[in-house]
Amino acid sequence: MAKGFRGGGFGGGASGGMRQGDLMKQAQKMQQDMLKMQEELENRTYTATAGGGVVSATISGKRELTELIIDPEAVDPEDVEMLQDMIIAAVNAAIRDAEKTSAESMSKITGGMNFGF
């Protein structure tokens, strides 16, 4: 045994065990808060528009397209590519909004620690 080693885990005594227990409680609470937040985020919807509002896309918190609204004035048989671009832009904007909201919400719980959410 190393000279001066007294064992006892963290901090070398009973108070270290209390700190470790408090740390475990905090970690468990953080985990519960994160799970609750993930569930809330999955139940949200995110809507974004493109083309001045002629295309609207709504996604779920699970990043699934749930609604796509196209104003008839956006449909030009001579320029289908523009409509396709507006749809892609609206869907991608909604996804970015969902990702940003999720990251900000999780950051509030984790105190800025990055867990890949």
C-alpha atoms as a PDB file:
ATOM      1  CA  MET A   1       0.000   0.000   0.000  1.00  0.00           C
ATOM      2  CA  ALA A   2       1.290   3.442  -0.851  1.00  0.00           C
ATOM      3  CA  LYS A   3       2.603   5.554   1.966  1.00  0.00           C
ATOM      4  CA  GLY A   4      -0.064   7.914   3.298  1.00  0.00           C
ATOM      5  CA  PHE A   5      -2.943   6.169   1.459  1.00  0.00           C
ATOM      6  CA  ARG A   6      -6.006   5.844   3.650  1.00  0.00           C
ATOM      7  CA  GLY A   7      -8.592   4.633   1.145  1.00  0.00           C
ATOM      8  CA  GLY A   8     -12.178   5.678   1.522  1.00  0.00           C
ATOM      9  CA  GLY A   9     -12.899   6.536  -2.131  1.00  0.00           C
ATOM     10  CA  PHE A  10     -13.395  10.135  -3.201  1.00  0.00           C
ATOM     11  CA  GLY A  11     -12.043  12.670  -0.770  1.00  0.00           C
ATOM     12  CA  GLY A  12     -10.585  10.059   1.515  1.00  0.00           C
ATOM     13  CA  GLY A  13     -13.460   9.891   4.008  1.00  0.00           C
ATOM     14  CA  ALA A  14     -17.176   9.593   4.653  1.00  0.00           C
ATOM     15  CA  SER A  15     -17.875  13.098   3.411  1.00  0.00           C
ATOM     16  CA  GLY A  16     -16.497  12.047   0.009  1.00  0.00           C
ATOM     17  CA  GLY A  17     -19.172   9.357  -0.185  1.00  0.00           C
ATOM     18  CA  MET A  18     -21.844  11.957   0.491  1.00  0.00           C
ATOM     19  CA  ARG A  19     -20.527  14.131  -2.331  1.00  0.00           C
ATOM     20  CA  GLN A  20     -20.497  11.144  -4.635  1.00  0.00           C
ATOM     21  CA  GLY A  21     -24.094  10.345  -3.647  1.00  0.00           C
ATOM     22  CA  ASP A  22     -25.133  13.941  -4.326  1.00  0.00           C
ATOM     23  CA  LEU A  23     -23.390  13.771  -7.684  1.00  0.00           C
ATOM     24  CA  MET A  24     -25.278  10.583  -8.542  1.00  0.00           C
ATOM     25  CA  LYS A  25     -28.592  12.220  -7.574  1.00  0.00           C
ATOM     26  CA  GLN A  26     -27.792  15.222  -9.751  1.00  0.00           C
ATOM     27  CA  ALA A  27     -26.857  12.962 -12.664  1.00  0.00           C
ATOM     28  CA  GLN A  28     -30.081  10.981 -12.288  1.00  0.00           C
ATOM     29  CA  LYS A  29     -32.139  14.181 -12.173  1.00  0.00           C
ATOM     30  CA  MET A  30     -30.342  15.476 -15.268  1.00  0.00           C
ATOM     31  CA  GLN A  31     -31.068  12.210 -17.053  1.00  0.00           C
ATOM     32  CA  GLN A  32     -34.768  12.385 -16.089  1.00  0.00           C
ATOM     33  CA  ASP A  33     -34.947  16.019 -17.210  1.00  0.00           C
ATOM     34  CA  MET A  34     -33.289  15.137 -20.516  1.00  0.00           C
ATOM     35  CA  LEU A  35     -35.718  12.276 -21.168  1.00  0.00           C
ATOM     36  CA  LYS A  36     -38.677  14.532 -20.365  1.00  0.00           C
ATOM     37  CA  MET A  37     -37.315  17.260 -22.639  1.00  0.00           C
ATOM     38  CA  GLN A  38     -36.728  14.770 -25.475  1.00  0.00           C
ATOM     39  CA  GLU A  39     -40.334  13.614 -25.184  1.00  0.00           C
ATOM     40  CA  GLU A  40     -41.604  17.199 -25.226  1.00  0.00           C
ATOM     41  CA  LEU A  41     -39.446  18.018 -28.251  1.00  0.00           C
ATOM     42  CA  GLU A  42     -40.684  14.937 -30.111  1.00  0.00           C
ATOM     43  CA  ASN A  43     -44.288  16.061 -29.553  1.00  0.00           C
ATOM     44  CA  ARG A  44     -43.684  19.525 -31.038  1.00  0.00           C
ATOM     45  CA  THR A  45     -44.163  20.561 -34.637  1.00  0.00           C
ATOM     46  CA  TYR A  46     -42.035  22.960 -36.655  1.00  0.00           C
ATOM     47  CA  THR A  47     -43.295  24.891 -39.670  1.00  0.00           C
ATOM     48  CA  ALA A  48     -41.289  26.893 -42.170  1.00  0.00           C
ATOM     49  CA  THR A  49     -42.173  28.612 -45.406  1.00  0.00           C
ATOM     50  CA  ALA A  50     -40.411  29.401 -48.672  1.00  0.00           C
ATOM     51  CA  GLY A  51     -41.127  31.492 -51.729  1.00  0.00           C
ATOM     52  CA  GLY A  52     -42.713  34.267 -49.731  1.00  0.00           C
ATOM     53  CA  GLY A  53     -45.084  31.831 -48.041  1.00  0.00           C
ATOM     54  CA  VAL A  54     -46.383  29.960 -51.095  1.00  0.00           C
ATOM     55  CA  VAL A  55     -44.828  26.719 -49.795  1.00  0.00           C
ATOM     56  CA  SER A  56     -45.201  25.663 -46.171  1.00  0.00           C
ATOM     57  CA  ALA A  57     -43.676  22.540 -44.639  1.00  0.00           C
ATOM     58  CA  THR A  58     -44.399  21.139 -41.192  1.00  0.00           C
ATOM     59  CA  ILE A  59     -42.286  18.464 -39.542  1.00  0.00           C
ATOM     60  CA  SER A  60     -42.696  16.612 -36.281  1.00  0.00           C
ATOM     61  CA  GLY A  61     -40.164  16.617 -33.497  1.00  0.00           C
ATOM     62  CA  LYS A  62     -39.130  13.219 -34.847  1.00  0.00           C
ATOM     63  CA  ARG A  63     -38.043  15.007 -38.051  1.00  0.00           C
ATOM     64  CA  GLU A  64     -40.856  13.541 -40.169  1.00  0.00           C
ATOM     65  CA  LEU A  65     -42.644  15.648 -42.768  1.00  0.00           C
ATOM     66  CA  THR A  66     -46.258  15.785 -41.576  1.00  0.00           C
ATOM     67  CA  GLU A  67     -47.764  18.506 -43.770  1.00  0.00           C
ATOM     68  CA  LEU A  68     -46.902  20.211 -47.026  1.00  0.00           C
ATOM     69  CA  ILE A  69     -49.007  23.122 -48.276  1.00  0.00           C
ATOM     70  CA  ILE A  70     -48.488  24.524 -51.742  1.00  0.00           C
ATOM     71  CA  ASP A  71     -50.358  27.627 -52.806  1.00  0.00           C
ATOM     72  CA  PRO A  72     -51.713  27.103 -56.330  1.00  0.00           C
ATOM     73  CA  GLU A  73     -49.918  30.268 -57.491  1.00  0.00           C
ATOM     74  CA  ALA A  74     -46.621  28.457 -56.835  1.00  0.00           C
ATOM     75  CA  VAL A  75     -47.448  25.839 -59.454  1.00  0.00           C
ATOM     76  CA  ASP A  76     -46.021  26.860 -62.803  1.00  0.00           C
ATOM     77  CA  PRO A  77     -45.893  23.924 -65.236  1.00  0.00           C
ATOM     78  CA  GLU A  78     -43.097  25.744 -67.048  1.00  0.00           C
ATOM     79  CA  ASP A  79     -40.929  25.936 -63.911  1.00  0.00           C
ATOM     80  CA  VAL A  80     -41.348  22.786 -61.831  1.00  0.00           C
ATOM     81  CA  GLU A  81     -37.740  23.118 -60.648  1.00  0.00           C
ATOM     82  CA  MET A  82     -38.554  26.323 -58.761  1.00  0.00           C
ATOM     83  CA  LEU A  83     -41.388  24.575 -56.928  1.00  0.00           C
ATOM     84  CA  GLN A  84     -39.089  21.694 -56.052  1.00  0.00           C
ATOM     85  CA  ASP A  85     -36.473  24.132 -54.746  1.00  0.00           C
ATOM     86  CA  MET A  86     -39.065  25.922 -52.595  1.00  0.00           C
ATOM     87  CA  ILE A  87     -40.252  22.610 -51.125  1.00  0.00           C
ATOM     88  CA  ILE A  88     -36.689  21.581 -50.289  1.00  0.00           C
ATOM     89  CA  ALA A  89     -35.975  25.015 -48.776  1.00  0.00           C
ATOM     90  CA  ALA A  90     -39.096  24.921 -46.590  1.00  0.00           C
ATOM     91  CA  VAL A  91     -38.456  21.372 -45.347  1.00  0.00           C
ATOM     92  CA  ASN A  92     -34.794  22.082 -44.613  1.00  0.00           C
ATOM     93  CA  ALA A  93     -35.676  25.301 -42.755  1.00  0.00           C
ATOM     94  CA  ALA A  94     -38.169  23.402 -40.584  1.00  0.00           C
ATOM     95  CA  ILE A  95     -35.546  20.731 -39.836  1.00  0.00           C
ATOM     96  CA  ARG A  96     -32.970  23.380 -38.893  1.00  0.00           C
ATOM     97  CA  ASP A  97     -35.530  25.022 -36.580  1.00  0.00           C
ATOM     98  CA  ALA A  98     -36.220  21.679 -34.896  1.00  0.00           C
ATOM     99  CA  GLU A  99     -32.485  20.971 -34.484  1.00  0.00           C
ATOM    100  CA  LYS A 100     -31.799  24.441 -33.082  1.00  0.00           C
ATOM    101  CA  THR A 101     -34.696  24.235 -30.621  1.00  0.00           C
ATOM    102  CA  SER A 102     -33.595  20.771 -29.516  1.00  0.00           C
ATOM    103  CA  ALA A 103     -29.975  21.840 -28.999  1.00  0.00           C
ATOM    104  CA  GLU A 104     -30.978  24.959 -27.058  1.00  0.00           C
ATOM    105  CA  SER A 105     -33.394  23.032 -24.846  1.00  0.00           C
ATOM    106  CA  MET A 106     -30.881  20.293 -24.052  1.00  0.00           C
ATOM    107  CA  SER A 107     -28.165  22.863 -23.386  1.00  0.00           C
ATOM    108  CA  LYS A 108     -30.338  24.402 -20.669  1.00  0.00           C
ATOM    109  CA  ILE A 109     -30.498  21.021 -18.929  1.00  0.00           C
ATOM    110  CA  THR A 110     -26.893  19.951 -19.414  1.00  0.00           C
ATOM    111  CA  GLY A 111     -25.356  23.335 -18.680  1.00  0.00           C
ATOM    112  CA  GLY A 112     -23.724  23.447 -22.093  1.00  0.00           C
ATOM    113  CA  MET A 113     -22.194  19.968 -21.991  1.00  0.00           C
ATOM    114  CA  ASN A 114     -22.510  18.416 -25.449  1.00  0.00           C
ATOM    115  CA  PHE A 115     -24.044  14.942 -25.482  1.00  0.00           C
ATOM    116  CA  GLY A 116     -24.733  14.898 -29.226  1.00  0.00           C
ATOM    117  CA  PHE A 117     -28.364  16.058 -29.171  1.00  0.00           C
END
